[in-house]
């Protein structure tokens, strides 16, 4: 496929067919994805390819914690898990929230689930002393994650970047034997899409690019 076509049609895929994703195709996807940049080219990514049903069921169960708060806040008109605006629902309201099956179903129906980790001992978190949530360390892992999704699209597969399981990171690390110095960055269900999206809806460039300053003229 043309590179721009891949970029414009790589949407979030949550519904999969029963088609397998063979190991040789998965290896090819990851072989291309590994050329993503990372801080100092230290390449601190580690990927766990999960196929066994019991492990995936455990991951789905651990996703419930993050999903429960997400749904509760969303129903309350809030931006879920937002680091700027405090949560307006009570812990009891969160606990009483039922999680729709479709939020965890991709972990069970995908051909494979990739758990992407990053070694925190090799990242450069330049924002670690700022009075806000850290984002910079993600530069050493999320380009790789996006490359995985682009490569999967090129091979006729798809997936979705999920992070809800990270709310239970300690339990996820225990389940998968992830060392202490690693962080869980993403959980990617991959498989053959039931329906391939060919047109994505995104803001036009003029709405989010300005000249010289944040309040400058639109590009």
Protein backbone atom coordinates (compact mmCIF):
# COMPACT_ATOMS: atom_id res chain seq x y z
CA UNK A 1 0.00 0.00 0.00
CA UNK A 2 0.98 3.62 -0.50
CA UNK A 3 2.34 5.15 2.72
CA UNK A 4 -0.20 7.98 2.77
CA UNK A 5 -3.05 5.54 2.18
CA UNK A 6 -1.88 3.49 5.17
CA UNK A 7 -1.68 6.61 7.35
CA UNK A 8 -5.16 7.77 6.32
CA UNK A 9 -6.88 4.40 6.81
CA UNK A 10 -5.30 3.08 10.01
CA UNK A 11 -8.21 3.50 12.37
CA UNK A 12 -9.05 1.82 15.66
CA UNK A 13 -10.15 -1.78 15.00
CA UNK A 14 -12.12 -3.47 17.78
CA UNK A 15 -14.09 -6.10 15.88
CA UNK A 16 -12.17 -9.00 14.40
CA UNK A 17 -12.84 -12.04 12.23
CA UNK A 18 -11.78 -15.54 13.26
CA UNK A 19 -8.81 -15.42 10.88
CA UNK A 20 -5.47 -16.17 12.52
CA UNK A 21 -2.50 -13.83 12.54
CA UNK A 22 0.37 -16.27 11.87
CA UNK A 23 3.66 -15.91 13.71
CA UNK A 24 5.55 -15.16 10.50
CA UNK A 25 3.24 -12.23 9.69
CA UNK A 26 3.44 -10.96 13.27
CA UNK A 27 7.22 -11.19 13.10
CA UNK A 28 7.20 -9.19 9.86
CA UNK A 29 4.99 -6.51 11.42
CA UNK A 30 7.33 -6.21 14.40
CA UNK A 31 10.42 -6.36 12.20
CA UNK A 32 9.28 -3.19 10.43
CA UNK A 33 7.94 -1.52 13.57
CA UNK A 34 11.31 -1.80 15.32
CA UNK A 35 12.72 1.01 13.17
CA UNK A 36 10.72 3.55 15.15
CA UNK A 37 12.86 6.19 16.89
CA UNK A 38 13.55 6.17 20.61
CA UNK A 39 15.47 8.48 22.94
CA UNK A 40 19.18 8.06 22.30
CA UNK A 41 18.31 5.05 20.13
CA UNK A 42 18.29 3.06 23.37
CA UNK A 43 15.39 0.90 22.16
CA UNK A 44 13.92 0.12 25.56
CA UNK A 45 10.77 -1.54 24.21
CA UNK A 46 9.79 -5.10 25.12
CA UNK A 47 6.75 -6.78 23.57
CA UNK A 48 4.84 -9.74 25.03
CA UNK A 49 2.71 -11.55 22.43
CA UNK A 50 -0.21 -13.12 24.28
CA UNK A 51 -2.26 -15.82 22.59
CA UNK A 52 -3.38 -18.09 25.44
CA UNK A 53 -7.02 -17.62 26.37
CA UNK A 54 -6.62 -17.71 30.19
CA UNK A 55 -4.03 -14.93 30.10
CA UNK A 56 -6.21 -12.81 27.85
CA UNK A 57 -9.19 -13.34 30.14
CA UNK A 58 -7.05 -12.18 33.05
CA UNK A 59 -5.99 -9.06 31.11
CA UNK A 60 -9.62 -8.35 30.26
CA UNK A 61 -10.55 -8.64 33.94
CA UNK A 62 -7.76 -6.25 34.93
CA UNK A 63 -9.00 -3.76 32.32
CA UNK A 64 -12.29 -3.45 34.19
CA UNK A 65 -10.87 -1.09 36.83
CA UNK A 66 -9.80 1.57 34.36
CA UNK A 67 -12.88 1.04 32.20
CA UNK A 68 -15.25 1.36 35.15
CA UNK A 69 -14.00 4.84 36.06
CA UNK A 70 -13.87 5.79 32.37
CA UNK A 71 -17.54 4.92 31.85
CA UNK A 72 -18.66 6.51 35.12
CA UNK A 73 -16.97 9.82 34.29
CA UNK A 74 -18.13 9.75 30.69
CA UNK A 75 -21.76 9.29 31.77
CA UNK A 76 -21.30 12.22 34.14
CA UNK A 77 -20.22 14.47 31.27
CA UNK A 78 -16.57 14.48 32.29
CA UNK A 79 -13.38 13.86 30.34
CA UNK A 80 -12.43 10.41 31.71
CA UNK A 81 -9.14 10.06 33.60
CA UNK A 82 -8.25 13.66 32.82
CA UNK A 83 -5.20 14.92 34.78
CA UNK A 84 -6.35 18.55 34.75
CA UNK A 85 -9.99 18.32 35.80
CA UNK A 86 -10.71 16.40 39.03
CA UNK A 87 -13.13 13.48 39.03
CA UNK A 88 -16.68 14.50 39.87
CA UNK A 89 -18.14 11.05 40.54
CA UNK A 90 -17.75 9.33 43.89
CA UNK A 91 -15.79 6.11 44.44
CA UNK A 92 -19.08 4.38 45.24
CA UNK A 93 -20.55 5.54 41.94
CA UNK A 94 -17.50 4.25 40.12
CA UNK A 95 -17.70 0.89 41.89
CA UNK A 96 -21.38 0.54 40.94
CA UNK A 97 -20.72 1.19 37.23
CA UNK A 98 -21.09 -1.76 34.88
CA UNK A 99 -18.53 -2.04 32.09
CA UNK A 100 -19.99 -2.74 28.63
CA UNK A 101 -18.66 -6.00 27.21
CA UNK A 102 -17.41 -4.32 24.04
CA UNK A 103 -14.70 -2.50 25.99
CA UNK A 104 -12.91 -5.73 26.92
CA UNK A 105 -14.11 -8.00 24.11
CA UNK A 106 -11.25 -7.10 21.71
CA UNK A 107 -8.78 -8.68 24.14
CA UNK A 108 -10.65 -11.97 23.78
CA UNK A 109 -11.52 -11.94 20.08
CA UNK A 110 -8.28 -10.64 18.55
CA UNK A 111 -5.86 -13.09 16.99
CA UNK A 112 -3.12 -11.92 19.35
CA UNK A 113 -2.73 -9.33 22.09
CA UNK A 114 0.54 -7.41 22.32
CA UNK A 115 1.52 -5.96 25.69
CA UNK A 116 4.09 -3.25 25.00
CA UNK A 117 6.45 -2.30 27.81
CA UNK A 118 9.23 0.26 28.06
CA UNK A 119 12.35 0.13 30.21
CA UNK A 120 12.21 3.24 32.38
CA UNK A 121 15.90 2.92 33.18
CA UNK A 122 16.78 3.99 29.62
CA UNK A 123 14.26 6.76 28.89
CA UNK A 124 14.94 10.50 29.19
CA UNK A 125 11.96 12.05 31.00
CA UNK A 126 12.78 15.74 30.62
CA UNK A 127 9.45 16.69 32.18
CA UNK A 128 9.88 14.67 35.37
CA UNK A 129 10.31 17.78 37.55
CA UNK A 130 7.41 19.75 36.09
CA UNK A 131 4.18 20.19 38.01
CA UNK A 132 2.07 18.13 35.62
CA UNK A 133 1.60 14.56 34.48
CA UNK A 134 4.65 13.26 32.61
CA UNK A 135 4.37 12.62 28.86
CA UNK A 136 7.89 12.90 27.45
CA UNK A 137 9.00 9.33 28.24
CA UNK A 138 6.27 8.15 25.88
CA UNK A 139 8.40 9.40 22.99
CA UNK A 140 10.55 6.30 23.43
CA UNK A 141 7.68 3.83 23.04
CA UNK A 142 4.61 5.25 21.27
CA UNK A 143 6.30 5.76 17.88
CA UNK A 144 6.94 2.00 17.98
CA UNK A 145 3.32 1.31 18.94
CA UNK A 146 2.07 3.39 16.03
CA UNK A 147 4.48 1.64 13.68
CA UNK A 148 2.96 -1.68 14.76
CA UNK A 149 -0.51 -0.46 13.84
CA UNK A 150 0.68 0.96 10.51
CA UNK A 151 2.49 -2.26 9.63
CA UNK A 152 -0.53 -4.32 10.65
CA UNK A 153 -2.73 -2.21 8.35
CA UNK A 154 -0.28 -2.76 5.51
CA UNK A 155 -0.58 -6.52 6.05
CA UNK A 156 -4.38 -6.42 6.01
CA UNK A 157 -4.78 -6.56 9.79
CA UNK A 158 -5.74 -3.97 12.37
CA UNK A 159 -5.85 -3.21 16.05
CA UNK A 160 -6.36 -0.59 18.69
CA UNK A 161 -4.09 1.07 21.23
CA UNK A 162 -5.60 0.51 24.68
CA UNK A 163 -4.27 1.67 28.04
CA UNK A 164 -7.08 0.92 30.49
CA UNK A 165 -5.24 -2.08 31.92
CA UNK A 166 -2.46 0.24 33.14
CA UNK A 167 -4.72 1.30 36.01
CA UNK A 168 -3.88 -2.17 37.37
CA UNK A 169 -0.25 -2.11 36.26
CA UNK A 170 1.11 -3.94 39.33
CA UNK A 171 -1.27 -6.84 38.72
CA UNK A 172 -0.51 -6.86 34.97
CA UNK A 173 3.21 -7.00 35.72
CA UNK A 174 2.67 -9.85 38.14
CA UNK A 175 0.53 -11.73 35.61
CA UNK A 176 3.14 -11.44 32.84
CA UNK A 177 6.37 -11.47 34.85
CA UNK A 178 7.32 -7.92 33.87
CA UNK A 179 10.38 -6.57 35.76
CA UNK A 180 10.05 -3.62 38.14
CA UNK A 181 11.98 -1.19 35.95
CA UNK A 182 9.55 -1.61 33.06
CA UNK A 183 6.29 0.29 32.60
CA UNK A 184 3.29 -1.06 30.73
CA UNK A 185 2.71 1.44 27.91
CA UNK A 186 -0.01 -0.16 25.78
CA UNK A 187 -2.09 -3.26 25.19
CA UNK A 188 -2.72 -3.89 21.48
CA UNK A 189 -5.30 -6.44 20.30
CA UNK A 190 -4.47 -7.33 16.66
CA UNK A 191 -6.44 -9.30 14.11
CA UNK A 192 -8.25 -9.25 10.79
CA UNK A 193 -10.89 -6.47 10.81
CA UNK A 194 -14.51 -7.43 10.27
CA UNK A 195 -14.80 -4.17 8.33
CA UNK A 196 -11.95 -2.09 7.02
CA UNK A 197 -12.41 1.63 7.54
CA UNK A 198 -11.40 3.61 4.47
CA UNK A 199 -12.19 7.14 5.64
CA UNK A 200 -11.29 8.62 9.02
CA UNK A 201 -12.69 11.81 10.51
CA UNK A 202 -10.05 14.20 11.79
CA UNK A 203 -9.75 17.96 12.33
CA UNK A 204 -8.39 19.91 9.34
CA UNK A 205 -4.83 21.21 9.63
CA UNK A 206 -6.00 24.81 9.94
CA UNK A 207 -7.75 24.00 13.21
CA UNK A 208 -4.68 22.83 15.10
CA UNK A 209 -1.61 24.38 13.43
CA UNK A 210 -0.64 28.01 13.98
CA UNK A 211 2.26 30.15 12.86
CA UNK A 212 5.00 31.22 15.27
CA UNK A 213 2.85 31.16 18.47
CA UNK A 214 0.02 29.13 20.00
CA UNK A 215 -2.31 32.07 19.33
CA UNK A 216 -0.80 32.79 15.91
CA UNK A 217 -2.52 32.67 12.54
CA UNK A 218 -3.67 29.31 11.21
CA UNK A 219 -1.38 27.61 8.73
